[in-house]
Amino acid sequence: MRTRWSLVGIACLAMATLGRTQGTEGNDAAAVKVIEISAKKYEFTPAEVRVKKGERVQLKVHSVDTTHGAKLILYP
């Protein structure tokens, strides 16, 4: 279960990072890889996401069963 929460934290951190950097390189939407993640009780689909270093991604996370929350802890 700890691994799953780590995945949620990483996904949320990636979304926050993308939100801060979006628009800095113009309107090159074709260079962004969209990854959709479904969340339900103790399960994520896909269970693992791999991207290349430096690759721009947009994570779209949605809940299948109920409303979920996420906590972001940002380290300086």
PDB file of N, CA and C in Angstrom:
ATOM      1  N   MET A   1       0.827  -1.192   0.000  1.00  0.00           N
ATOM      2  CA  MET A   1       0.000   0.000   0.000  1.00  0.00           C
ATOM      3  C   MET A   1       0.874   1.259   0.000  1.00  0.00           C
ATOM      4  N   ARG A   2       2.009   1.175   0.664  1.00  0.00           N
ATOM      5  CA  ARG A   2       2.911   2.321   0.711  1.00  0.00           C
ATOM      6  C   ARG A   2       3.394   2.686  -0.689  1.00  0.00           C
ATOM      7  N   THR A   3       3.625   1.657  -1.522  1.00  0.00           N
ATOM      8  CA  THR A   3       4.061   1.886  -2.894  1.00  0.00           C
ATOM      9  C   THR A   3       2.990   2.629  -3.674  1.00  0.00           C
ATOM     10  N   ARG A   4       1.749   2.270  -3.460  1.00  0.00           N
ATOM     11  CA  ARG A   4       0.659   2.943  -4.180  1.00  0.00           C
ATOM     12  C   ARG A   4       0.561   4.411  -3.788  1.00  0.00           C
ATOM     13  N   TRP A   5       0.724   4.701  -2.489  1.00  0.00           N
ATOM     14  CA  TRP A   5       0.671   6.096  -2.062  1.00  0.00           C
ATOM     15  C   TRP A   5       1.865   6.863  -2.606  1.00  0.00           C
ATOM     16  N   SER A   6       2.996   6.172  -2.744  1.00  0.00           N
ATOM     17  CA  SER A   6       4.164   6.819  -3.343  1.00  0.00           C
ATOM     18  C   SER A   6       3.882   7.177  -4.788  1.00  0.00           C
ATOM     19  N   LEU A   7       3.203   6.266  -5.507  1.00  0.00           N
ATOM     20  CA  LEU A   7       2.841   6.536  -6.896  1.00  0.00           C
ATOM     21  C   LEU A   7       1.920   7.743  -6.993  1.00  0.00           C
ATOM     22  N   VAL A   8       0.959   7.841  -6.080  1.00  0.00           N
ATOM     23  CA  VAL A   8       0.050   8.991  -6.074  1.00  0.00           C
ATOM     24  C   VAL A   8       0.836  10.270  -5.806  1.00  0.00           C
ATOM     25  N   GLY A   9       1.751  10.215  -4.858  1.00  0.00           N
ATOM     26  CA  GLY A   9       2.559  11.395  -4.550  1.00  0.00           C
ATOM     27  C   GLY A   9       3.414  11.826  -5.724  1.00  0.00           C
ATOM     28  N   ILE A  10       4.017  10.856  -6.400  1.00  0.00           N
ATOM     29  CA  ILE A  10       4.842  11.172  -7.565  1.00  0.00           C
ATOM     30  C   ILE A  10       3.989  11.752  -8.675  1.00  0.00           C
ATOM     31  N   ALA A  11       2.807  11.163  -8.891  1.00  0.00           N
ATOM     32  CA  ALA A  11       1.919  11.665  -9.941  1.00  0.00           C
ATOM     33  C   ALA A  11       1.482  13.101  -9.641  1.00  0.00           C
ATOM     34  N   CYS A  12       1.133  13.366  -8.401  1.00  0.00           N
ATOM     35  CA  CYS A  12       0.701  14.718  -8.037  1.00  0.00           C
ATOM     36  C   CYS A  12       1.848  15.713  -8.142  1.00  0.00           C
ATOM     37  N   LEU A  13       3.031  15.298  -7.745  1.00  0.00           N
ATOM     38  CA  LEU A  13       4.191  16.177  -7.866  1.00  0.00           C
ATOM     39  C   LEU A  13       4.486  16.481  -9.327  1.00  0.00           C
ATOM     40  N   ALA A  14       4.351  15.461 -10.178  1.00  0.00           N
ATOM     41  CA  ALA A  14       4.567  15.676 -11.610  1.00  0.00           C
ATOM     42  C   ALA A  14       3.551  16.661 -12.173  1.00  0.00           C
ATOM     43  N   MET A  15       2.277  16.522 -11.742  1.00  0.00           N
ATOM     44  CA  MET A  15       1.239  17.453 -12.219  1.00  0.00           C
ATOM     45  C   MET A  15       1.535  18.870 -11.754  1.00  0.00           C
ATOM     46  N   ALA A  16       1.976  19.016 -10.510  1.00  0.00           N
ATOM     47  CA  ALA A  16       2.291  20.353  -9.998  1.00  0.00           C
ATOM     48  C   ALA A  16       3.475  20.955 -10.753  1.00  0.00           C
ATOM     49  N   THR A  17       4.473  20.138 -11.038  1.00  0.00           N
ATOM     50  CA  THR A  17       5.640  20.609 -11.776  1.00  0.00           C
ATOM     51  C   THR A  17       5.263  21.008 -13.190  1.00  0.00           C
ATOM     52  N   LEU A  18       4.447  20.195 -13.853  1.00  0.00           N
ATOM     53  CA  LEU A  18       4.022  20.525 -15.207  1.00  0.00           C
ATOM     54  C   LEU A  18       3.212  21.813 -15.238  1.00  0.00           C
ATOM     55  N   GLY A  19       2.407  22.029 -14.224  1.00  0.00           N
ATOM     56  CA  GLY A  19       1.614  23.247 -14.163  1.00  0.00           C
ATOM     57  C   GLY A  19       2.477  24.487 -14.059  1.00  0.00           C
ATOM     58  N   ARG A  20       3.611  24.383 -13.351  1.00  0.00           N
ATOM     59  CA  ARG A  20       4.509  25.531 -13.210  1.00  0.00           C
ATOM     60  C   ARG A  20       5.292  25.800 -14.473  1.00  0.00           C
ATOM     61  N   THR A  21       5.618  24.753 -15.232  1.00  0.00           N
ATOM     62  CA  THR A  21       6.466  24.933 -16.403  1.00  0.00           C
ATOM     63  C   THR A  21       5.680  25.051 -17.695  1.00  0.00           C
ATOM     64  N   GLN A  22       4.389  24.805 -17.641  1.00  0.00           N
ATOM     65  CA  GLN A  22       3.580  24.827 -18.862  1.00  0.00           C
ATOM     66  C   GLN A  22       3.585  26.223 -19.470  1.00  0.00           C
ATOM     67  N   GLY A  23       3.810  26.281 -20.758  1.00  0.00           N
ATOM     68  CA  GLY A  23       3.795  27.547 -21.458  1.00  0.00           C
ATOM     69  C   GLY A  23       5.161  28.185 -21.606  1.00  0.00           C
ATOM     70  N   THR A  24       6.194  27.579 -21.023  1.00  0.00           N
ATOM     71  CA  THR A  24       7.517  28.176 -21.111  1.00  0.00           C
ATOM     72  C   THR A  24       8.187  27.889 -22.445  1.00  0.00           C
ATOM     73  N   GLU A  25       7.703  26.884 -23.176  1.00  0.00           N
ATOM     74  CA  GLU A  25       8.321  26.527 -24.441  1.00  0.00           C
ATOM     75  C   GLU A  25       7.388  26.760 -25.626  1.00  0.00           C
ATOM     76  N   GLY A  26       6.447  27.624 -25.490  1.00  0.00           N
ATOM     77  CA  GLY A  26       5.529  27.897 -26.583  1.00  0.00           C
ATOM     78  C   GLY A  26       4.343  26.951 -26.575  1.00  0.00           C
ATOM     79  N   ASN A  27       3.709  26.803 -27.718  1.00  0.00           N
ATOM     80  CA  ASN A  27       2.507  25.991 -27.835  1.00  0.00           C
ATOM     81  C   ASN A  27       2.800  24.672 -28.531  1.00  0.00           C
ATOM     82  N   ASP A  28       3.744  23.908 -28.053  1.00  0.00           N
ATOM     83  CA  ASP A  28       4.132  22.656 -28.679  1.00  0.00           C
ATOM     84  C   ASP A  28       3.390  21.487 -28.018  1.00  0.00           C
ATOM     85  N   ALA A  29       2.077  21.416 -28.207  1.00  0.00           N
ATOM     86  CA  ALA A  29       1.243  20.394 -27.575  1.00  0.00           C
ATOM     87  C   ALA A  29       1.570  18.997 -28.085  1.00  0.00           C
ATOM     88  N   ALA A  30       2.116  18.880 -29.290  1.00  0.00           N
ATOM     89  CA  ALA A  30       2.431  17.576 -29.845  1.00  0.00           C
ATOM     90  C   ALA A  30       3.570  16.900 -29.075  1.00  0.00           C
ATOM     91  N   ALA A  31       4.398  17.658 -28.384  1.00  0.00           N
ATOM     92  CA  ALA A  31       5.529  17.100 -27.660  1.00  0.00           C
ATOM     93  C   ALA A  31       5.140  16.568 -26.278  1.00  0.00           C
ATOM     94  N   VAL A  32       3.910  16.783 -25.851  1.00  0.00           N
ATOM     95  CA  VAL A  32       3.463  16.342 -24.534  1.00  0.00           C
ATOM     96  C   VAL A  32       2.765  14.990 -24.662  1.00  0.00           C
ATOM     97  N   LYS A  33       3.243  14.006 -23.899  1.00  0.00           N
ATOM     98  CA  LYS A  33       2.634  12.681 -23.881  1.00  0.00           C
ATOM     99  C   LYS A  33       1.566  12.663 -22.793  1.00  0.00           C
ATOM    100  N   VAL A  34       0.331  12.330 -23.146  1.00  0.00           N
ATOM    101  CA  VAL A  34      -0.773  12.286 -22.195  1.00  0.00           C
ATOM    102  C   VAL A  34      -0.904  10.864 -21.659  1.00  0.00           C
ATOM    103  N   ILE A  35      -0.895  10.735 -20.331  1.00  0.00           N
ATOM    104  CA  ILE A  35      -1.038   9.442 -19.675  1.00  0.00           C
ATOM    105  C   ILE A  35      -2.265   9.503 -18.776  1.00  0.00           C
ATOM    106  N   GLU A  36      -3.211   8.603 -19.014  1.00  0.00           N
ATOM    107  CA  GLU A  36      -4.429   8.552 -18.200  1.00  0.00           C
ATOM    108  C   GLU A  36      -4.308   7.445 -17.167  1.00  0.00           C
ATOM    109  N   ILE A  37      -4.603   7.788 -15.909  1.00  0.00           N
ATOM    110  CA  ILE A  37      -4.509   6.841 -14.803  1.00  0.00           C
ATOM    111  C   ILE A  37      -5.860   6.773 -14.112  1.00  0.00           C
ATOM    112  N   SER A  38      -6.362   5.560 -13.920  1.00  0.00           N
ATOM    113  CA  SER A  38      -7.606   5.333 -13.180  1.00  0.00           C
ATOM    114  C   SER A  38      -7.253   4.872 -11.773  1.00  0.00           C
ATOM    115  N   ALA A  39      -7.923   5.446 -10.786  1.00  0.00           N
ATOM    116  CA  ALA A  39      -7.682   5.080  -9.393  1.00  0.00           C
ATOM    117  C   ALA A  39      -8.952   4.530  -8.784  1.00  0.00           C
ATOM    118  N   LYS A  40      -8.808   3.430  -8.061  1.00  0.00           N
ATOM    119  CA  LYS A  40      -9.893   2.918  -7.241  1.00  0.00           C
ATOM    120  C   LYS A  40      -9.269   2.304  -6.002  1.00  0.00           C
ATOM    121  N   LYS A  41     -10.060   1.868  -5.086  1.00  0.00           N
ATOM    122  CA  LYS A  41      -9.579   1.418  -3.787  1.00  0.00           C
ATOM    123  C   LYS A  41      -8.378   0.483  -3.918  1.00  0.00           C
ATOM    124  N   TYR A  42      -7.213   0.963  -3.501  1.00  0.00           N
ATOM    125  CA  TYR A  42      -5.958   0.211  -3.457  1.00  0.00           C
ATOM    126  C   TYR A  42      -5.466  -0.268  -4.818  1.00  0.00           C
ATOM    127  N   GLU A  43      -5.833   0.431  -5.886  1.00  0.00           N
ATOM    128  CA  GLU A  43      -5.413  -0.015  -7.211  1.00  0.00           C
ATOM    129  C   GLU A  43      -5.310   1.166  -8.167  1.00  0.00           C
ATOM    130  N   PHE A  44      -4.284   1.150  -9.000  1.00  0.00           N
ATOM    131  CA  PHE A  44      -4.114   2.131 -10.063  1.00  0.00           C
ATOM    132  C   PHE A  44      -3.961   1.389 -11.384  1.00  0.00           C
ATOM    133  N   THR A  45      -4.556   1.928 -12.435  1.00  0.00           N
ATOM    134  CA  THR A  45      -4.428   1.341 -13.765  1.00  0.00           C
ATOM    135  C   THR A  45      -3.993   2.431 -14.727  1.00  0.00           C
ATOM    136  N   PRO A  46      -2.860   2.321 -15.364  1.00  0.00           N
ATOM    137  CA  PRO A  46      -1.883   1.247 -15.246  1.00  0.00           C
ATOM    138  C   PRO A  46      -1.170   1.307 -13.901  1.00  0.00           C
ATOM    139  N   ALA A  47      -0.677   0.155 -13.449  1.00  0.00           N
ATOM    140  CA  ALA A  47      -0.014   0.068 -12.148  1.00  0.00           C
ATOM    141  C   ALA A  47       1.356   0.734 -12.170  1.00  0.00           C
ATOM    142  N   GLU A  48       1.961   0.827 -13.347  1.00  0.00           N
ATOM    143  CA  GLU A  48       3.287   1.432 -13.462  1.00  0.00           C
ATOM    144  C   GLU A  48       3.338   2.294 -14.718  1.00  0.00           C
ATOM    145  N   VAL A  49       3.986   3.441 -14.599  1.00  0.00           N
ATOM    146  CA  VAL A  49       4.141   4.351 -15.733  1.00  0.00           C
ATOM    147  C   VAL A  49       5.629   4.643 -15.881  1.00  0.00           C
ATOM    148  N   ARG A  50       6.136   4.483 -17.087  1.00  0.00           N
ATOM    149  CA  ARG A  50       7.547   4.776 -17.348  1.00  0.00           C
ATOM    150  C   ARG A  50       7.648   5.850 -18.420  1.00  0.00           C
ATOM    151  N   VAL A  51       8.505   6.816 -18.169  1.00  0.00           N
ATOM    152  CA  VAL A  51       8.772   7.868 -19.152  1.00  0.00           C
ATOM    153  C   VAL A  51      10.275   8.078 -19.228  1.00  0.00           C
ATOM    154  N   LYS A  52      10.712   8.618 -20.337  1.00  0.00           N
ATOM    155  CA  LYS A  52      12.129   8.908 -20.506  1.00  0.00           C
ATOM    156  C   LYS A  52      12.470  10.217 -19.804  1.00  0.00           C
ATOM    157  N   LYS A  53      13.666  10.311 -19.312  1.00  0.00           N
ATOM    158  CA  LYS A  53      14.127  11.524 -18.644  1.00  0.00           C
ATOM    159  C   LYS A  53      14.011  12.703 -19.610  1.00  0.00           C
ATOM    160  N   GLY A  54      13.390  13.776 -19.147  1.00  0.00           N
ATOM    161  CA  GLY A  54      13.224  14.972 -19.963  1.00  0.00           C
ATOM    162  C   GLY A  54      11.966  14.975 -20.810  1.00  0.00           C
ATOM    163  N   GLU A  55      11.272  13.845 -20.881  1.00  0.00           N
ATOM    164  CA  GLU A  55      10.047  13.763 -21.681  1.00  0.00           C
ATOM    165  C   GLU A  55       8.924  14.525 -20.971  1.00  0.00           C
ATOM    166  N   ARG A  56       8.207  15.342 -21.721  1.00  0.00           N
ATOM    167  CA  ARG A  56       7.090  16.096 -21.149  1.00  0.00           C
ATOM    168  C   ARG A  56       5.856  15.224 -21.148  1.00  0.00           C
ATOM    169  N   VAL A  57       5.204  15.140 -19.983  1.00  0.00           N
ATOM    170  CA  VAL A  57       4.002  14.317 -19.851  1.00  0.00           C
ATOM    171  C   VAL A  57       2.897  15.111 -19.174  1.00  0.00           C
ATOM    172  N   GLN A  58       1.688  14.720 -19.468  1.00  0.00           N
ATOM    173  CA  GLN A  58       0.513  15.265 -18.786  1.00  0.00           C
ATOM    174  C   GLN A  58      -0.209  14.068 -18.189  1.00  0.00           C
ATOM    175  N   LEU A  59      -0.376  14.068 -16.862  1.00  0.00           N
ATOM    176  CA  LEU A  59      -1.073  12.982 -16.202  1.00  0.00           C
ATOM    177  C   LEU A  59      -2.524  13.375 -15.983  1.00  0.00           C
ATOM    178  N   LYS A  60      -3.424  12.512 -16.426  1.00  0.00           N
ATOM    179  CA  LYS A  60      -4.850  12.712 -16.189  1.00  0.00           C
ATOM    180  C   LYS A  60      -5.301  11.586 -15.270  1.00  0.00           C
ATOM    181  N   VAL A  61      -5.539  11.924 -14.013  1.00  0.00           N
ATOM    182  CA  VAL A  61      -5.908  10.931 -13.011  1.00  0.00           C
ATOM    183  C   VAL A  61      -7.379  11.106 -12.678  1.00  0.00           C
ATOM    184  N   HIS A  62      -8.123  10.001 -12.728  1.00  0.00           N
ATOM    185  CA  HIS A  62      -9.533  10.069 -12.345  1.00  0.00           C
ATOM    186  C   HIS A  62      -9.890   8.874 -11.479  1.00  0.00           C
ATOM    187  N   SER A  63     -10.910   9.067 -10.657  1.00  0.00           N
ATOM    188  CA  SER A  63     -11.357   8.047  -9.724  1.00  0.00           C
ATOM    189  C   SER A  63     -12.496   7.238 -10.332  1.00  0.00           C
ATOM    190  N   VAL A  64     -12.446   5.932 -10.126  1.00  0.00           N
ATOM    191  CA  VAL A  64     -13.482   5.046 -10.643  1.00  0.00           C
ATOM    192  C   VAL A  64     -14.584   4.846  -9.611  1.00  0.00           C
ATOM    193  N   ASP A  65     -14.230   4.796  -8.316  1.00  0.00           N
ATOM    194  CA  ASP A  65     -15.202   4.403  -7.311  1.00  0.00           C
ATOM    195  C   ASP A  65     -15.721   5.521  -6.409  1.00  0.00           C
ATOM    196  N   THR A  66     -14.886   6.431  -5.988  1.00  0.00           N
ATOM    197  CA  THR A  66     -15.309   7.470  -5.047  1.00  0.00           C
ATOM    198  C   THR A  66     -14.351   8.655  -5.151  1.00  0.00           C
ATOM    199  N   THR A  67     -14.595   9.688  -4.387  1.00  0.00           N
ATOM    200  CA  THR A  67     -13.707  10.838  -4.363  1.00  0.00           C
ATOM    201  C   THR A  67     -12.470  10.506  -3.536  1.00  0.00           C
ATOM    202  N   HIS A  68     -11.305  10.794  -4.089  1.00  0.00           N
ATOM    203  CA  HIS A  68     -10.048  10.557  -3.394  1.00  0.00           C
ATOM    204  C   HIS A  68      -9.335  11.891  -3.211  1.00  0.00           C
ATOM    205  N   GLY A  69      -8.455  11.934  -2.271  1.00  0.00           N
ATOM    206  CA  GLY A  69      -7.657  13.131  -2.034  1.00  0.00           C
ATOM    207  C   GLY A  69      -6.181  12.830  -2.205  1.00  0.00           C
ATOM    208  N   ALA A  70      -5.393  13.853  -2.229  1.00  0.00           N
ATOM    209  CA  ALA A  70      -3.944  13.685  -2.342  1.00  0.00           C
ATOM    210  C   ALA A  70      -3.271  14.767  -1.514  1.00  0.00           C
ATOM    211  N   LYS A  71      -2.159  14.426  -0.927  1.00  0.00           N
ATOM    212  CA  LYS A  71      -1.391  15.371  -0.119  1.00  0.00           C
ATOM    213  C   LYS A  71      -0.026  15.528  -0.776  1.00  0.00           C
ATOM    214  N   LEU A  72       0.356  16.757  -1.055  1.00  0.00           N
ATOM    215  CA  LEU A  72       1.667  17.036  -1.641  1.00  0.00           C
ATOM    216  C   LEU A  72       2.598  17.578  -0.580  1.00  0.00           C
ATOM    217  N   ILE A  73       3.747  16.963  -0.472  1.00  0.00           N
ATOM    218  CA  ILE A  73       4.788  17.462   0.420  1.00  0.00           C
ATOM    219  C   ILE A  73       5.950  17.835  -0.486  1.00  0.00           C
ATOM    220  N   LEU A  74       6.211  19.114  -0.590  1.00  0.00           N
ATOM    221  CA  LEU A  74       7.274  19.596  -1.476  1.00  0.00           C
ATOM    222  C   LEU A  74       8.521  19.864  -0.654  1.00  0.00           C
ATOM    223  N   TYR A  75       9.628  19.331  -1.130  1.00  0.00           N
ATOM    224  CA  TYR A  75      10.911  19.532  -0.476  1.00  0.00           C
ATOM    225  C   TYR A  75      11.711  20.570  -1.245  1.00  0.00           C
ATOM    226  N   PRO A  76      12.356  21.476  -0.508  1.00  0.00           N
ATOM    227  CA  PRO A  76      13.160  22.500  -1.205  1.00  0.00           C
ATOM    228  C   PRO A  76      14.380  21.922  -1.887  1.00  0.00           C
TER     229      PRO A  76
END
